[in-house]
Amino acid sequence: MSGDTDPDPTATVDRLMERLSGFVQGIGMSGADARNIIARVIASGPSAGDGDLMAKARTWMLIALG
C-alpha cells in the first residue's frame, strides 16, 4: 500500500480495525467510533502506509476521548 492509493478503502479499514482492536478495546472506544476514525484517517492520507495510518488513528482516537 505504500505509495499507491488503495483501490478498496473498506478493505483497509477492516485490516486496520483488526490490527488496532486491542488498542480500541483497551481505551474503551466503541468499534463504530473507531471504524469512523480509521476511515477518516485513510481519507486524509490515502497513500500512507499501514504503520503511518495506525499511528495517526491511535492519536486521533486518544484525542477523541479527551
N, C-alpha and C. Protein backbone atom coordinates (compact mmCIF):
# COMPACT_ATOMS: atom_id res chain seq x y z
N MET A 1 0.80 -1.18 0.00
CA MET A 1 0.00 0.00 0.00
C MET A 1 0.84 1.25 0.00
N SER A 2 2.06 1.19 0.38
CA SER A 2 2.89 2.38 0.44
C SER A 2 3.10 2.95 -0.96
N GLY A 3 2.77 4.25 -1.12
CA GLY A 3 3.00 4.91 -2.38
C GLY A 3 1.80 4.91 -3.30
N ASP A 4 0.90 3.95 -3.18
CA ASP A 4 -0.25 3.86 -4.07
C ASP A 4 -1.52 4.08 -3.26
N THR A 5 -2.53 4.66 -3.93
CA THR A 5 -3.80 4.76 -3.24
C THR A 5 -4.45 3.39 -3.25
N ASP A 6 -5.13 3.07 -2.19
CA ASP A 6 -5.76 1.77 -2.04
C ASP A 6 -7.03 1.73 -2.86
N PRO A 7 -7.17 0.75 -3.77
CA PRO A 7 -8.37 0.68 -4.59
C PRO A 7 -9.62 0.30 -3.78
N ASP A 8 -9.44 -0.27 -2.60
CA ASP A 8 -10.57 -0.68 -1.77
C ASP A 8 -10.37 -0.19 -0.33
N PRO A 9 -10.78 1.06 -0.06
CA PRO A 9 -10.56 1.60 1.29
C PRO A 9 -11.30 0.81 2.37
N THR A 10 -12.40 0.15 2.02
CA THR A 10 -13.12 -0.65 3.01
C THR A 10 -12.25 -1.80 3.50
N ALA A 11 -11.51 -2.41 2.60
CA ALA A 11 -10.60 -3.49 3.00
C ALA A 11 -9.51 -2.95 3.92
N THR A 12 -9.06 -1.74 3.66
CA THR A 12 -8.04 -1.14 4.51
C THR A 12 -8.61 -0.85 5.89
N VAL A 13 -9.83 -0.33 5.95
CA VAL A 13 -10.47 -0.08 7.24
C VAL A 13 -10.58 -1.39 8.02
N ASP A 14 -11.03 -2.45 7.35
CA ASP A 14 -11.17 -3.75 8.02
C ASP A 14 -9.83 -4.25 8.54
N ARG A 15 -8.81 -4.12 7.72
CA ARG A 15 -7.47 -4.59 8.10
C ARG A 15 -6.93 -3.82 9.31
N LEU A 16 -7.08 -2.51 9.28
CA LEU A 16 -6.59 -1.69 10.39
C LEU A 16 -7.44 -1.88 11.65
N MET A 17 -8.74 -2.08 11.48
CA MET A 17 -9.60 -2.38 12.65
C MET A 17 -9.11 -3.65 13.33
N GLU A 18 -8.78 -4.64 12.55
CA GLU A 18 -8.29 -5.90 13.12
C GLU A 18 -6.98 -5.68 13.87
N ARG A 19 -6.09 -4.93 13.26
CA ARG A 19 -4.78 -4.70 13.88
C ARG A 19 -4.86 -3.79 15.10
N LEU A 20 -5.85 -2.90 15.14
CA LEU A 20 -5.97 -1.96 16.26
C LEU A 20 -7.02 -2.39 17.28
N SER A 21 -7.59 -3.57 17.13
CA SER A 21 -8.70 -3.99 18.00
C SER A 21 -8.31 -4.00 19.48
N GLY A 22 -7.12 -4.45 19.80
CA GLY A 22 -6.68 -4.46 21.19
C GLY A 22 -6.55 -3.06 21.75
N PHE A 23 -6.03 -2.15 20.95
CA PHE A 23 -5.90 -0.75 21.37
C PHE A 23 -7.28 -0.14 21.61
N VAL A 24 -8.19 -0.38 20.66
CA VAL A 24 -9.54 0.16 20.75
C VAL A 24 -10.23 -0.36 22.01
N GLN A 25 -10.12 -1.64 22.25
CA GLN A 25 -10.72 -2.23 23.44
C GLN A 25 -10.07 -1.67 24.71
N GLY A 26 -8.76 -1.52 24.68
CA GLY A 26 -8.03 -1.02 25.84
C GLY A 26 -8.40 0.39 26.25
N ILE A 27 -8.74 1.23 25.28
CA ILE A 27 -9.12 2.61 25.61
C ILE A 27 -10.62 2.74 25.82
N GLY A 28 -11.36 1.67 25.59
CA GLY A 28 -12.80 1.68 25.84
C GLY A 28 -13.62 2.39 24.78
N MET A 29 -13.11 2.45 23.56
CA MET A 29 -13.84 3.11 22.47
C MET A 29 -14.73 2.08 21.77
N SER A 30 -15.87 2.53 21.30
CA SER A 30 -16.75 1.63 20.57
C SER A 30 -16.14 1.30 19.21
N GLY A 31 -16.49 0.14 18.71
CA GLY A 31 -16.00 -0.27 17.39
C GLY A 31 -16.46 0.66 16.29
N ALA A 32 -17.70 1.14 16.41
CA ALA A 32 -18.23 2.05 15.39
C ALA A 32 -17.46 3.37 15.36
N ASP A 33 -17.17 3.90 16.55
CA ASP A 33 -16.39 5.15 16.60
C ASP A 33 -14.99 4.94 16.05
N ALA A 34 -14.36 3.82 16.40
CA ALA A 34 -13.02 3.53 15.92
C ALA A 34 -13.01 3.38 14.40
N ARG A 35 -13.99 2.67 13.87
CA ARG A 35 -14.09 2.46 12.42
C ARG A 35 -14.25 3.81 11.70
N ASN A 36 -15.05 4.69 12.27
CA ASN A 36 -15.25 6.02 11.68
C ASN A 36 -13.94 6.80 11.66
N ILE A 37 -13.22 6.77 12.76
CA ILE A 37 -11.94 7.48 12.82
C ILE A 37 -10.95 6.89 11.83
N ILE A 38 -10.86 5.58 11.76
CA ILE A 38 -9.94 4.95 10.81
C ILE A 38 -10.28 5.33 9.38
N ALA A 39 -11.56 5.34 9.04
CA ALA A 39 -11.97 5.74 7.68
C ALA A 39 -11.57 7.18 7.39
N ARG A 40 -11.71 8.05 8.37
CA ARG A 40 -11.32 9.46 8.19
C ARG A 40 -9.80 9.60 8.05
N VAL A 41 -9.06 8.81 8.82
CA VAL A 41 -7.60 8.84 8.72
C VAL A 41 -7.16 8.40 7.32
N ILE A 42 -7.77 7.34 6.81
CA ILE A 42 -7.42 6.85 5.46
C ILE A 42 -7.75 7.91 4.42
N ALA A 43 -8.91 8.57 4.57
CA ALA A 43 -9.29 9.62 3.62
C ALA A 43 -8.32 10.79 3.64
N SER A 44 -7.74 11.06 4.82
CA SER A 44 -6.82 12.20 4.93
C SER A 44 -5.43 11.91 4.36
N GLY A 45 -5.11 10.63 4.21
CA GLY A 45 -3.80 10.26 3.67
C GLY A 45 -3.86 8.93 2.95
N PRO A 46 -4.56 8.89 1.83
CA PRO A 46 -4.81 7.60 1.16
C PRO A 46 -3.56 6.89 0.66
N SER A 47 -2.47 7.59 0.51
CA SER A 47 -1.26 6.94 0.00
C SER A 47 -0.30 6.53 1.12
N ALA A 48 -0.69 6.78 2.37
CA ALA A 48 0.17 6.43 3.51
C ALA A 48 0.17 4.92 3.73
N GLY A 49 1.23 4.43 4.31
CA GLY A 49 1.34 3.02 4.64
C GLY A 49 0.56 2.69 5.90
N ASP A 50 0.36 1.41 6.14
CA ASP A 50 -0.41 0.97 7.30
C ASP A 50 0.16 1.48 8.62
N GLY A 51 1.47 1.46 8.76
CA GLY A 51 2.09 1.91 10.00
C GLY A 51 1.79 3.36 10.29
N ASP A 52 1.89 4.21 9.28
CA ASP A 52 1.58 5.63 9.45
C ASP A 52 0.10 5.84 9.74
N LEU A 53 -0.76 5.09 9.04
CA LEU A 53 -2.19 5.21 9.26
C LEU A 53 -2.57 4.79 10.68
N MET A 54 -1.97 3.70 11.15
CA MET A 54 -2.28 3.23 12.50
C MET A 54 -1.82 4.23 13.56
N ALA A 55 -0.65 4.80 13.37
CA ALA A 55 -0.15 5.79 14.33
C ALA A 55 -1.07 7.00 14.38
N LYS A 56 -1.50 7.46 13.22
CA LYS A 56 -2.39 8.61 13.16
C LYS A 56 -3.75 8.26 13.76
N ALA A 57 -4.25 7.06 13.47
CA ALA A 57 -5.54 6.64 14.01
C ALA A 57 -5.49 6.57 15.54
N ARG A 58 -4.41 6.02 16.08
CA ARG A 58 -4.27 5.96 17.55
C ARG A 58 -4.32 7.37 18.14
N THR A 59 -3.60 8.28 17.53
CA THR A 59 -3.57 9.67 18.02
C THR A 59 -4.96 10.28 17.97
N TRP A 60 -5.64 10.12 16.85
CA TRP A 60 -6.98 10.70 16.71
C TRP A 60 -7.95 10.06 17.71
N MET A 61 -7.81 8.77 17.96
CA MET A 61 -8.68 8.11 18.94
C MET A 61 -8.46 8.67 20.34
N LEU A 62 -7.22 8.87 20.70
CA LEU A 62 -6.92 9.43 22.02
C LEU A 62 -7.45 10.86 22.14
N ILE A 63 -7.32 11.62 21.08
CA ILE A 63 -7.85 12.99 21.08
C ILE A 63 -9.37 12.97 21.23
N ALA A 64 -10.02 12.04 20.53
CA ALA A 64 -11.48 11.93 20.60
C ALA A 64 -11.96 11.61 22.01
N LEU A 65 -11.14 10.86 22.76
CA LEU A 65 -11.53 10.51 24.13
C LEU A 65 -11.32 11.66 25.10
N GLY A 66 -10.42 12.57 24.72
CA GLY A 66 -10.04 13.67 25.61
C GLY A 66 -11.15 14.60 25.88
